[in-house]
PDB file of N, CA and C in Angstrom:
ATOM      1  N   MET A   1      94.775  85.805  86.521  1.00  0.00           N
ATOM      2  CA  MET A   1      96.048  85.140  86.615  1.00  0.00           C
ATOM      3  C   MET A   1      95.764  84.438  88.294  1.00  0.00           C
ATOM      4  N   PHE A   2      95.428  85.248  89.322  1.00  0.00           N
ATOM      5  CA  PHE A   2      95.727  84.374  90.907  1.00  0.00           C
ATOM      6  C   PHE A   2      94.429  84.435  91.407  1.00  0.00           C
ATOM      7  N   ALA A   3      94.286  83.249  92.289  1.00  0.00           N
ATOM      8  CA  ALA A   3      92.952  82.585  93.174  1.00  0.00           C
ATOM      9  C   ALA A   3      93.634  82.717  94.398  1.00  0.00           C
ATOM     10  N   GLN A   4      92.862  82.586  95.369  1.00  0.00           N
ATOM     11  CA  GLN A   4      93.219  82.593  96.859  1.00  0.00           C
ATOM     12  C   GLN A   4      94.419  83.250  97.402  1.00  0.00           C
ATOM     13  N   VAL A   5      94.439  84.649  97.605  1.00  0.00           N
ATOM     14  CA  VAL A   5      95.419  85.299  97.521  1.00  0.00           C
ATOM     15  C   VAL A   5      95.183  85.647  98.941  1.00  0.00           C
ATOM     16  N   GLU A   6      96.444  85.030  99.809  1.00  0.00           N
ATOM     17  CA  GLU A   6      96.668  85.246 101.151  1.00  0.00           C
ATOM     18  C   GLU A   6      97.623  86.135 101.525  1.00  0.00           C
ATOM     19  N   VAL A   7      97.631  87.452 102.067  1.00  0.00           N
ATOM     20  CA  VAL A   7      99.009  88.322 102.177  1.00  0.00           C
ATOM     21  C   VAL A   7      98.855  88.817 103.997  1.00  0.00           C
ATOM     22  N   GLU A   8      99.989  88.391 104.222  1.00  0.00           N
ATOM     23  CA  GLU A   8     100.196  88.616 105.892  1.00  0.00           C
ATOM     24  C   GLU A   8     101.263  89.897 106.302  1.00  0.00           C
ATOM     25  N   VAL A   9     101.275  90.501 107.339  1.00  0.00           N
ATOM     26  CA  VAL A   9     102.341  91.783 107.304  1.00  0.00           C
ATOM     27  C   VAL A   9     103.230  90.712 108.743  1.00  0.00           C
ATOM     28  N   THR A  10     104.496  90.993 108.822  1.00  0.00           N
ATOM     29  CA  THR A  10     105.434  90.357 109.919  1.00  0.00           C
ATOM     30  C   THR A  10     106.201  91.113 110.524  1.00  0.00           C
ATOM     31  N   GLU A  11     106.753  90.712 111.649  1.00  0.00           N
ATOM     32  CA  GLU A  11     107.900  92.065 112.241  1.00  0.00           C
ATOM     33  C   GLU A  11     109.099  91.399 111.492  1.00  0.00           C
ATOM     34  N   ASP A  12     109.841  90.185 110.637  1.00  0.00           N
ATOM     35  CA  ASP A  12     110.788  90.128 110.390  1.00  0.00           C
ATOM     36  C   ASP A  12     111.002  90.898 108.920  1.00  0.00           C
ATOM     37  N   PRO A  13     112.033  91.549 109.108  1.00  0.00           N
ATOM     38  CA  PRO A  13     112.691  92.308 108.223  1.00  0.00           C
ATOM     39  C   PRO A  13     113.124  91.629 107.044  1.00  0.00           C
ATOM     40  N   GLU A  14     113.351  90.659 106.894  1.00  0.00           N
ATOM     41  CA  GLU A  14     113.515  89.866 105.521  1.00  0.00           C
ATOM     42  C   GLU A  14     112.359  89.855 104.897  1.00  0.00           C
ATOM     43  N   ARG A  15     111.210  89.312 105.666  1.00  0.00           N
ATOM     44  CA  ARG A  15     109.894  88.842 105.213  1.00  0.00           C
ATOM     45  C   ARG A  15     108.463  89.951 105.865  1.00  0.00           C
ATOM     46  N   LEU A  16     108.519  91.342 105.337  1.00  0.00           N
ATOM     47  CA  LEU A  16     107.772  92.191 106.135  1.00  0.00           C
ATOM     48  C   LEU A  16     106.532  91.787 105.842  1.00  0.00           C
ATOM     49  N   LEU A  17     106.141  91.396 104.028  1.00  0.00           N
ATOM     50  CA  LEU A  17     104.792  90.966 103.665  1.00  0.00           C
ATOM     51  C   LEU A  17     105.441  89.466 103.253  1.00  0.00           C
ATOM     52  N   ILE A  18     104.280  89.069 103.641  1.00  0.00           N
ATOM     53  CA  ILE A  18     104.383  87.098 103.055  1.00  0.00           C
ATOM     54  C   ILE A  18     103.027  87.061 102.123  1.00  0.00           C
ATOM     55  N   ALA A  19     103.204  86.021 100.975  1.00  0.00           N
ATOM     56  CA  ALA A  19     101.828  85.993 100.344  1.00  0.00           C
ATOM     57  C   ALA A  19     101.691  84.530 100.005  1.00  0.00           C
ATOM     58  N   LEU A  20     100.601  84.358  99.583  1.00  0.00           N
ATOM     59  CA  LEU A  20     100.735  82.856  99.115  1.00  0.00           C
ATOM     60  C   LEU A  20      99.508  83.034  98.126  1.00  0.00           C
ATOM     61  N   VAL A  21      99.412  82.540  96.686  1.00  0.00           N
ATOM     62  CA  VAL A  21      98.450  82.944  95.818  1.00  0.00           C
ATOM     63  C   VAL A  21      98.645  81.359  95.181  1.00  0.00           C
ATOM     64  N   ARG A  22      97.644  81.437  94.538  1.00  0.00           N
ATOM     65  CA  ARG A  22      97.488  80.275  93.223  1.00  0.00           C
ATOM     66  C   ARG A  22      97.277  80.712  91.820  1.00  0.00           C
ATOM     67  N   TYR A  23      97.773  80.349  91.124  1.00  0.00           N
ATOM     68  CA  TYR A  23      97.774  80.481  89.983  1.00  0.00           C
ATOM     69  C   TYR A  23      97.059  79.548  88.569  1.00  0.00           C
ATOM     70  N   ARG A  24      96.281  80.372  87.731  1.00  0.00           N
ATOM     71  CA  ARG A  24      95.599  79.319  86.815  1.00  0.00           C
ATOM     72  C   ARG A  24      96.389  78.243  86.667  1.00  0.00           C
ATOM     73  N   PRO A  25      95.732  76.835  86.299  1.00  0.00           N
ATOM     74  CA  PRO A  25      96.234  75.443  86.399  1.00  0.00           C
ATOM     75  C   PRO A  25      96.784  75.765  84.684  1.00  0.00           C
ATOM     76  N   GLY A  26      98.035  75.012  84.687  1.00  0.00           N
ATOM     77  CA  GLY A  26      98.369  74.659  82.897  1.00  0.00           C
ATOM     78  C   GLY A  26      99.254  76.355  82.644  1.00  0.00           C
ATOM     79  N   THR A  27      99.486  77.352  83.650  1.00  0.00           N
ATOM     80  CA  THR A  27     100.282  78.494  83.077  1.00  0.00           C
ATOM     81  C   THR A  27     101.613  78.246  83.369  1.00  0.00           C
ATOM     82  N   PRO A  28     102.396  78.813  82.459  1.00  0.00           N
ATOM     83  CA  PRO A  28     104.083  78.145  82.611  1.00  0.00           C
ATOM     84  C   PRO A  28     104.579  78.581  83.906  1.00  0.00           C
ATOM     85  N   GLU A  29     105.494  78.035  84.631  1.00  0.00           N
ATOM     86  CA  GLU A  29     106.155  78.943  85.469  1.00  0.00           C
ATOM     87  C   GLU A  29     106.589  80.520  85.349  1.00  0.00           C
ATOM     88  N   ARG A  30     107.237  79.975  84.168  1.00  0.00           N
ATOM     89  CA  ARG A  30     107.702  81.600  83.588  1.00  0.00           C
ATOM     90  C   ARG A  30     106.758  82.433  83.426  1.00  0.00           C
ATOM     91  N   GLN A  31     105.808  82.717  82.725  1.00  0.00           N
ATOM     92  CA  GLN A  31     104.592  83.283  82.662  1.00  0.00           C
ATOM     93  C   GLN A  31     104.563  83.739  84.025  1.00  0.00           C
ATOM     94  N   VAL A  32     104.083  83.077  85.146  1.00  0.00           N
ATOM     95  CA  VAL A  32     103.996  83.440  86.370  1.00  0.00           C
ATOM     96  C   VAL A  32     104.682  84.483  86.792  1.00  0.00           C
ATOM     97  N   SER A  33     105.931  83.995  86.827  1.00  0.00           N
ATOM     98  CA  SER A  33     107.607  84.631  86.895  1.00  0.00           C
ATOM     99  C   SER A  33     107.548  85.954  86.520  1.00  0.00           C
ATOM    100  N   SER A  34     106.606  86.197  85.081  1.00  0.00           N
ATOM    101  CA  SER A  34     106.816  87.360  84.280  1.00  0.00           C
ATOM    102  C   SER A  34     106.009  88.525  84.752  1.00  0.00           C
ATOM    103  N   PHE A  35     104.912  87.965  85.292  1.00  0.00           N
ATOM    104  CA  PHE A  35     103.692  88.583  85.862  1.00  0.00           C
ATOM    105  C   PHE A  35     103.926  89.112  87.158  1.00  0.00           C
ATOM    106  N   LEU A  36     104.409  88.431  87.932  1.00  0.00           N
ATOM    107  CA  LEU A  36     105.132  88.837  88.866  1.00  0.00           C
ATOM    108  C   LEU A  36     105.951  89.560  89.276  1.00  0.00           C
ATOM    109  N   GLU A  37     106.749  89.992  88.375  1.00  0.00           N
ATOM    110  CA  GLU A  37     108.023  90.898  88.306  1.00  0.00           C
ATOM    111  C   GLU A  37     107.058  92.237  87.648  1.00  0.00           C
ATOM    112  N   ALA A  38     106.310  92.094  87.105  1.00  0.00           N
ATOM    113  CA  ALA A  38     105.358  93.517  86.522  1.00  0.00           C
ATOM    114  C   ALA A  38     104.580  94.039  87.594  1.00  0.00           C
ATOM    115  N   VAL A  39     104.046  92.807  88.257  1.00  0.00           N
ATOM    116  CA  VAL A  39     103.032  93.459  89.385  1.00  0.00           C
ATOM    117  C   VAL A  39     104.275  94.199  90.463  1.00  0.00           C
ATOM    118  N   TRP A  40     105.173  93.578  90.664  1.00  0.00           N
ATOM    119  CA  TRP A  40     106.267  93.888  91.695  1.00  0.00           C
ATOM    120  C   TRP A  40     106.870  95.400  91.208  1.00  0.00           C
ATOM    121  N   ILE A  41     107.174  95.247  90.248  1.00  0.00           N
ATOM    122  CA  ILE A  41     107.748  96.396  89.443  1.00  0.00           C
ATOM    123  C   ILE A  41     106.940  98.036  89.542  1.00  0.00           C
ATOM    124  N   SER A  42     105.586  97.085  88.857  1.00  0.00           N
ATOM    125  CA  SER A  42     104.441  98.550  88.903  1.00  0.00           C
ATOM    126  C   SER A  42     103.784  98.853  90.076  1.00  0.00           C
ATOM    127  N   GLU A  43     103.871  98.367  91.187  1.00  0.00           N
ATOM    128  CA  GLU A  43     102.912  98.408  91.972  1.00  0.00           C
ATOM    129  C   GLU A  43     103.413  98.663  93.647  1.00  0.00           C
ATOM    130  N   LEU A  44     104.919  97.886  93.496  1.00  0.00           N
ATOM    131  CA  LEU A  44     105.070  98.075  94.952  1.00  0.00           C
ATOM    132  C   LEU A  44     106.596  98.737  95.324  1.00  0.00           C
ATOM    133  N   ARG A  45     107.595  98.360  94.209  1.00  0.00           N
ATOM    134  CA  ARG A  45     108.791  99.282  93.825  1.00  0.00           C
ATOM    135  C   ARG A  45     108.906 100.549  93.962  1.00  0.00           C
ATOM    136  N   LEU A  46     110.405 100.638  95.106  1.00  0.00           N
ATOM    137  CA  LEU A  46     110.406 102.278  95.322  1.00  0.00           C
ATOM    138  C   LEU A  46     111.724 102.696  95.055  1.00  0.00           C
ATOM    139  N   PRO A  47     111.830 104.005  94.549  1.00  0.00           N
ATOM    140  CA  PRO A  47     113.211 104.423  94.237  1.00  0.00           C
ATOM    141  C   PRO A  47     114.379 103.932  94.847  1.00  0.00           C
ATOM    142  N   GLY A  48     115.484 103.732  93.984  1.00  0.00           N
ATOM    143  CA  GLY A  48     116.509 103.117  94.791  1.00  0.00           C
ATOM    144  C   GLY A  48     116.763 101.658  94.832  1.00  0.00           C
ATOM    145  N   LEU A  49     117.393 100.728  95.982  1.00  0.00           N
ATOM    146  CA  LEU A  49     117.554  99.902  96.172  1.00  0.00           C
ATOM    147  C   LEU A  49     116.229  99.233  95.673  1.00  0.00           C
ATOM    148  N   ASP A  50     116.464  97.903  94.591  1.00  0.00           N
ATOM    149  CA  ASP A  50     115.328  96.661  94.375  1.00  0.00           C
ATOM    150  C   ASP A  50     115.992  95.641  93.620  1.00  0.00           C
ATOM    151  N   VAL A  51     115.749  94.638  94.245  1.00  0.00           N
ATOM    152  CA  VAL A  51     116.331  93.372  94.338  1.00  0.00           C
ATOM    153  C   VAL A  51     115.314  92.531  94.265  1.00  0.00           C
ATOM    154  N   PHE A  52     115.091  91.461  93.217  1.00  0.00           N
ATOM    155  CA  PHE A  52     114.443  90.545  93.346  1.00  0.00           C
ATOM    156  C   PHE A  52     114.487  88.998  92.928  1.00  0.00           C
ATOM    157  N   ASN A  53     114.462  88.089  93.270  1.00  0.00           N
ATOM    158  CA  ASN A  53     114.631  86.602  93.334  1.00  0.00           C
ATOM    159  C   ASN A  53     113.757  85.641  92.705  1.00  0.00           C
ATOM    160  N   PHE A  54     113.566  85.000  92.180  1.00  0.00           N
ATOM    161  CA  PHE A  54     112.801  83.966  91.332  1.00  0.00           C
ATOM    162  C   PHE A  54     113.732  82.487  91.617  1.00  0.00           C
ATOM    163  N   LEU A  55     112.476  81.471  92.202  1.00  0.00           N
ATOM    164  CA  LEU A  55     112.444  80.185  91.977  1.00  0.00           C
ATOM    165  C   LEU A  55     111.755  79.584  91.206  1.00  0.00           C
ATOM    166  N   ALA A  56     111.555  78.782  90.210  1.00  0.00           N
ATOM    167  CA  ALA A  56     110.544  78.204  90.002  1.00  0.00           C
ATOM    168  C   ALA A  56     110.699  76.649  89.420  1.00  0.00           C
ATOM    169  N   GLU A  57     110.010  75.942  89.810  1.00  0.00           N
ATOM    170  CA  GLU A  57     110.037  74.466  89.790  1.00  0.00           C
ATOM    171  C   GLU A  57     108.467  74.248  89.542  1.00  0.00           C
ATOM    172  N   ASP A  58     108.361  72.809  88.844  1.00  0.00           N
ATOM    173  CA  ASP A  58     106.867  72.663  88.590  1.00  0.00           C
ATOM    174  C   ASP A  58     105.986  72.689  89.285  1.00  0.00           C
ATOM    175  N   GLY A  59     104.684  73.492  89.024  1.00  0.00           N
ATOM    176  CA  GLY A  59     103.618  73.792  89.703  1.00  0.00           C
ATOM    177  C   GLY A  59     104.068  74.563  91.049  1.00  0.00           C
ATOM    178  N   HIS A  60     105.101  75.430  91.048  1.00  0.00           N
ATOM    179  CA  HIS A  60     105.391  76.453  92.077  1.00  0.00           C
ATOM    180  C   HIS A  60     106.497  77.647  91.573  1.00  0.00           C
ATOM    181  N   VAL A  61     106.104  78.775  92.266  1.00  0.00           N
ATOM    182  CA  VAL A  61     107.023  79.927  91.898  1.00  0.00           C
ATOM    183  C   VAL A  61     107.238  80.476  93.212  1.00  0.00           C
ATOM    184  N   GLU A  62     108.264  81.131  93.717  1.00  0.00           N
ATOM    185  CA  GLU A  62     108.490  81.881  94.599  1.00  0.00           C
ATOM    186  C   GLU A  62     109.157  83.246  94.009  1.00  0.00           C
ATOM    187  N   LEU A  63     108.968  83.865  95.064  1.00  0.00           N
ATOM    188  CA  LEU A  63     109.522  85.602  94.970  1.00  0.00           C
ATOM    189  C   LEU A  63     109.925  86.040  95.754  1.00  0.00           C
ATOM    190  N   GLU A  64     111.108  86.250  96.028  1.00  0.00           N
ATOM    191  CA  GLU A  64     111.847  87.359  97.160  1.00  0.00           C
ATOM    192  C   GLU A  64     112.695  88.500  96.729  1.00  0.00           C
ATOM    193  N   SER A  65     111.727  89.619  97.536  1.00  0.00           N
ATOM    194  CA  SER A  65     112.337  91.009  96.963  1.00  0.00           C
ATOM    195  C   SER A  65     112.098  91.694  97.906  1.00  0.00           C
ATOM    196  N   VAL A  66     113.204  92.755  97.825  1.00  0.00           N
ATOM    197  CA  VAL A  66     113.191  93.632  98.425  1.00  0.00           C
ATOM    198  C   VAL A  66     113.207  95.197  97.870  1.00  0.00           C
ATOM    199  N   THR A  67     112.883  96.150  98.478  1.00  0.00           N
ATOM    200  CA  THR A  67     113.069  97.176  97.444  1.00  0.00           C
ATOM    201  C   THR A  67     112.834  98.589  98.833  1.00  0.00           C
ATOM    202  N   GLY A  68     113.802  99.884  98.674  1.00  0.00           N
ATOM    203  CA  GLY A  68     113.983 100.620  99.553  1.00  0.00           C
ATOM    204  C   GLY A  68     114.102 101.951  98.994  1.00  0.00           C
ATOM    205  N   ASP A  69     114.373 103.100  99.950  1.00  0.00           N
ATOM    206  CA  ASP A  69     114.957 104.423  99.427  1.00  0.00           C
ATOM    207  C   ASP A  69     115.492 104.769 100.250  1.00  0.00           C
ATOM    208  N   GLN A  70     117.016 104.621 100.314  1.00  0.00           N
ATOM    209  CA  GLN A  70     117.808 104.883 100.873  1.00  0.00           C
ATOM    210  C   GLN A  70     117.837 106.277 101.794  1.00  0.00           C
ATOM    211  N   SER A  71     117.324 107.475 101.200  1.00  0.00           N
ATOM    212  CA  SER A  71     117.513 108.672 101.578  1.00  0.00           C
ATOM    213  C   SER A  71     116.243 108.654 102.805  1.00  0.00           C
ATOM    214  N   SER A  72     115.505 108.078 102.934  1.00  0.00           N
ATOM    215  CA  SER A  72     114.062 108.318 103.791  1.00  0.00           C
ATOM    216  C   SER A  72     114.296 106.767 105.015  1.00  0.00           C
ATOM    217  N   GLY A  73     114.974 105.862 104.568  1.00  0.00           N
ATOM    218  CA  GLY A  73     115.323 104.787 104.985  1.00  0.00           C
ATOM    219  C   GLY A  73     113.978 103.791 105.162  1.00  0.00           C
ATOM    220  N   TYR A  74     112.703 103.813 104.144  1.00  0.00           N
ATOM    221  CA  TYR A  74     111.830 103.199 104.330  1.00  0.00           C
ATOM    222  C   TYR A  74     112.280 101.819 103.115  1.00  0.00           C
ATOM    223  N   PHE A  75     111.729 101.147 103.892  1.00  0.00           N
ATOM    224  CA  PHE A  75     111.912  99.786 102.672  1.00  0.00           C
ATOM    225  C   PHE A  75     110.849  98.702 102.895  1.00  0.00           C
ATOM    226  N   ILE A  76     110.426  97.724 101.889  1.00  0.00           N
ATOM    227  CA  ILE A  76     109.736  96.712 102.029  1.00  0.00           C
ATOM    228  C   ILE A  76     110.498  95.391 101.490  1.00  0.00           C
ATOM    229  N   SER A  77     109.888  94.282 102.151  1.00  0.00           N
ATOM    230  CA  SER A  77     110.603  92.954 101.743  1.00  0.00           C
ATOM    231  C   SER A  77     109.643  91.915 101.554  1.00  0.00           C
ATOM    232  N   LEU A  78     109.608  91.259 100.854  1.00  0.00           N
ATOM    233  CA  LEU A  78     108.233  90.699 100.297  1.00  0.00           C
ATOM    234  C   LEU A  78     108.877  88.567 100.066  1.00  0.00           C
ATOM    235  N   HIS A  79     108.332  88.013 100.867  1.00  0.00           N
ATOM    236  CA  HIS A  79     108.123  86.408 100.295  1.00  0.00           C
ATOM    237  C   HIS A  79     106.784  86.427  99.832  1.00  0.00           C
ATOM    238  N   LEU A  80     106.900  85.913  98.419  1.00  0.00           N
ATOM    239  CA  LEU A  80     105.663  85.112  97.797  1.00  0.00           C
ATOM    240  C   LEU A  80     105.810  83.685  97.491  1.00  0.00           C
ATOM    241  N   VAL A  81     104.593  82.875  97.701  1.00  0.00           N
ATOM    242  CA  VAL A  81     104.726  81.749  97.494  1.00  0.00           C
ATOM    243  C   VAL A  81     103.625  81.171  96.068  1.00  0.00           C
ATOM    244  N   ALA A  82     103.763  81.057  95.350  1.00  0.00           N
ATOM    245  CA  ALA A  82     102.355  80.773  94.100  1.00  0.00           C
ATOM    246  C   ALA A  82     102.616  79.511  93.940  1.00  0.00           C
ATOM    247  N   THR A  83     101.532  78.681  93.948  1.00  0.00           N
ATOM    248  CA  THR A  83     101.367  77.338  93.342  1.00  0.00           C
ATOM    249  C   THR A  83     100.457  77.111  92.600  1.00  0.00           C
ATOM    250  N   GLU A  84     100.469  76.146  91.384  1.00  0.00           N
ATOM    251  CA  GLU A  84      98.950  76.015  90.753  1.00  0.00           C
ATOM    252  C   GLU A  84      97.974  75.674  91.656  1.00  0.00           C
ATOM    253  N   GLY A  85      97.090  76.619  91.058  1.00  0.00           N
ATOM    254  CA  GLY A  85      95.691  75.738  91.346  1.00  0.00           C
ATOM    255  C   GLY A  85      94.835  74.663  90.564  1.00  0.00           C
ATOM    256  N   SER A  86      93.428  75.329  90.600  1.00  0.00           N
ATOM    257  CA  SER A  86      92.875  74.153  90.486  1.00  0.00           C
ATOM    258  C   SER A  86      92.194  74.736  89.251  1.00  0.00           C
ATOM    259  N   ALA A  87      91.096  74.169  88.681  1.00  0.00           N
ATOM    260  CA  ALA A  87      89.970  74.708  88.034  1.00  0.00           C
ATOM    261  C   ALA A  87      88.916  75.196  88.865  1.00  0.00           C
ATOM    262  N   GLU A  88      88.888  74.209  89.842  1.00  0.00           N
ATOM    263  CA  GLU A  88      87.666  74.950  90.670  1.00  0.00           C
ATOM    264  C   GLU A  88      87.927  76.087  91.210  1.00  0.00           C
ATOM    265  N   ASP A  89      89.588  76.630  91.628  1.00  0.00           N
ATOM    266  CA  ASP A  89      90.002  77.544  92.314  1.00  0.00           C
ATOM    267  C   ASP A  89      89.587  78.833  91.502  1.00  0.00           C
ATOM    268  N   PHE A  90      89.127  79.123  89.924  1.00  0.00           N
ATOM    269  CA  PHE A  90      88.851  79.734  88.951  1.00  0.00           C
ATOM    270  C   PHE A  90      87.627  80.006  89.060  1.00  0.00           C
ATOM    271  N   GLU A  91      86.547  78.688  89.076  1.00  0.00           N
ATOM    272  CA  GLU A  91      85.433  78.809  88.634  1.00  0.00           C
ATOM    273  C   GLU A  91      84.372  80.251  89.013  1.00  0.00           C
ATOM    274  N   ASN A  92      84.272  80.115  90.037  1.00  0.00           N
ATOM    275  CA  ASN A  92      83.802  81.512  90.592  1.00  0.00           C
ATOM    276  C   ASN A  92      84.393  82.959  91.069  1.00  0.00           C
ATOM    277  N   SER A  93      85.947  82.913  90.977  1.00  0.00           N
ATOM    278  CA  SER A  93      86.392  83.749  91.708  1.00  0.00           C
ATOM    279  C   SER A  93      86.005  85.097  91.412  1.00  0.00           C
ATOM    280  N   ALA A  94      85.724  85.530  89.985  1.00  0.00           N
ATOM    281  CA  ALA A  94      85.247  86.642  89.718  1.00  0.00           C
ATOM    282  C   ALA A  94      84.078  87.322  90.422  1.00  0.00           C
ATOM    283  N   ALA A  95      83.489  86.506  90.291  1.00  0.00           N
ATOM    284  CA  ALA A  95      81.846  86.345  91.375  1.00  0.00           C
ATOM    285  C   ALA A  95      81.864  86.422  92.942  1.00  0.00           C
ATOM    286  N   ASP A  96      82.679  85.989  93.338  1.00  0.00           N
ATOM    287  CA  ASP A  96      83.099  86.297  94.852  1.00  0.00           C
ATOM    288  C   ASP A  96      83.433  87.586  95.371  1.00  0.00           C
ATOM    289  N   TYR A  97      84.279  88.832  94.357  1.00  0.00           N
ATOM    290  CA  TYR A  97      84.404  89.755  94.654  1.00  0.00           C
ATOM    291  C   TYR A  97      83.220  90.789  93.737  1.00  0.00           C
ATOM    292  N   GLU A  98      83.062  91.715  94.825  1.00  0.00           N
ATOM    293  CA  GLU A  98      82.666  92.985  94.130  1.00  0.00           C
ATOM    294  C   GLU A  98      83.660  93.911  94.122  1.00  0.00           C
ATOM    295  N   THR A  99      83.422  94.578  92.786  1.00  0.00           N
ATOM    296  CA  THR A  99      84.444  96.071  92.675  1.00  0.00           C
ATOM    297  C   THR A  99      83.856  97.024  93.158  1.00  0.00           C
ATOM    298  N   PRO A 100      84.804  97.721  94.158  1.00  0.00           N
ATOM    299  CA  PRO A 100      84.074  98.925  94.700  1.00  0.00           C
ATOM    300  C   PRO A 100      83.893  99.877  93.788  1.00  0.00           C
ATOM    301  N   PRO A 101      83.107 101.065  93.763  1.00  0.00           N
ATOM    302  CA  PRO A 101      82.570 102.078  93.122  1.00  0.00           C
ATOM    303  C   PRO A 101      84.233 103.092  92.833  1.00  0.00           C
ATOM    304  N   PRO A 102      84.420 103.585  91.439  1.00  0.00           N
ATOM    305  CA  PRO A 102      85.579 104.542  91.774  1.00  0.00           C
ATOM    306  C   PRO A 102      85.134 105.473  92.600  1.00  0.00           C
ATOM    307  N   VAL A 103      86.449 106.219  93.561  1.00  0.00           N
ATOM    308  CA  VAL A 103      86.417 107.446  94.051  1.00  0.00           C
ATOM    309  C   VAL A 103      86.163 108.359  93.183  1.00  0.00           C
ATOM    310  N   THR A 104      85.714 109.435  93.327  1.00  0.00           N
ATOM    311  CA  THR A 104      85.683 110.861  92.783  1.00  0.00           C
ATOM    312  C   THR A 104      86.061 111.654  93.166  1.00  0.00           C
ATOM    313  N   THR A 105      87.094 112.510  92.637  1.00  0.00           N
ATOM    314  CA  THR A 105      88.037 113.655  93.540  1.00  0.00           C
ATOM    315  C   THR A 105      88.157 114.530  92.347  1.00  0.00           C
ATOM    316  N   ASP A 106      88.350 115.931  92.961  1.00  0.00           N
ATOM    317  CA  ASP A 106      88.785 117.203  92.013  1.00  0.00           C
ATOM    318  C   ASP A 106      90.233 116.863  91.400  1.00  0.00           C
ATOM    319  N   ALA A 107      91.031 116.166  92.043  1.00  0.00           N
ATOM    320  CA  ALA A 107      92.345 116.293  91.523  1.00  0.00           C
ATOM    321  C   ALA A 107      92.266 115.407  89.932  1.00  0.00           C
ATOM    322  N   PRO A 108      93.160 116.066  89.197  1.00  0.00           N
ATOM    323  CA  PRO A 108      93.342 115.710  87.907  1.00  0.00           C
ATOM    324  C   PRO A 108      94.160 114.245  87.459  1.00  0.00           C
ATOM    325  N   PRO A 109      93.584 113.494  86.705  1.00  0.00           N
ATOM    326  CA  PRO A 109      94.325 112.106  86.479  1.00  0.00           C
ATOM    327  C   PRO A 109      95.530 111.933  86.544  1.00  0.00           C
ATOM    328  N   THR A 110      95.995 111.005  87.130  1.00  0.00           N
ATOM    329  CA  THR A 110      97.535 110.544  86.847  1.00  0.00           C
ATOM    330  C   THR A 110      97.613 109.199  85.939  1.00  0.00           C
ATOM    331  N   LYS A 111      98.767 109.232  85.521  1.00  0.00           N
ATOM    332  CA  LYS A 111      98.991 108.530  84.347  1.00  0.00           C
ATOM    333  C   LYS A 111      99.878 107.282  84.818  1.00  0.00           C
ATOM    334  N   LYS A 112      99.299 106.306  84.757  1.00  0.00           N
ATOM    335  CA  LYS A 112     100.339 105.148  85.619  1.00  0.00           C
ATOM    336  C   LYS A 112     101.116 104.492  84.737  1.00  0.00           C
ATOM    337  N   ARG A 113     102.629 104.575  85.563  1.00  0.00           N
ATOM    338  CA  ARG A 113     103.501 104.309  84.591  1.00  0.00           C
ATOM    339  C   ARG A 113     103.663 102.421  84.780  1.00  0.00           C
ATOM    340  N   TRP A 114     104.330 102.163  83.924  1.00  0.00           N
ATOM    341  CA  TRP A 114     104.389 100.476  84.395  1.00  0.00           C
ATOM    342  C   TRP A 114     105.774  99.817  84.186  1.00  0.00           C
ATOM    343  N   LEU A 115     106.675 101.066  84.097  1.00  0.00           N
ATOM    344  CA  LEU A 115     108.088 100.639  84.528  1.00  0.00           C
ATOM    345  C   LEU A 115     108.733 102.078  84.747  1.00  0.00           C
ATOM    346  N   ARG A 116     109.065 101.473  86.072  1.00  0.00           N
ATOM    347  CA  ARG A 116     110.272 103.077  86.871  1.00  0.00           C
ATOM    348  C   ARG A 116     111.120 102.287  86.793  1.00  0.00           C
ATOM    349  N   ARG A 117     112.154 103.523  86.352  1.00  0.00           N
ATOM    350  CA  ARG A 117     113.467 103.215  86.269  1.00  0.00           C
ATOM    351  C   ARG A 117     114.208 104.543  87.296  1.00  0.00           C
TER     352      ARG A 117
END
């Protein structure tokens, strides 16, 4: 779905993480928003506080989000900008990255939850 993913850490509590990504050309902004929401919920969301907002325009989607755990005081804030990419952005994107071999442990496998409430 994405190419040219750039993520940086900042000292700004309203934007601890900032990201810039390019999405596949021709993908509706609504679909990009849904995909980003699913990634946020499944990968970054913490129990407790969870707020996110989208701004979608032609060729551009922004996600501003905050999640946190009140009992520990830990929180993450994110400002992500997704812009429509070009076909060239995705031609060799899979070949550019090597998938690392899986890590083997003695721990039992865990079940991945797609939606946490």
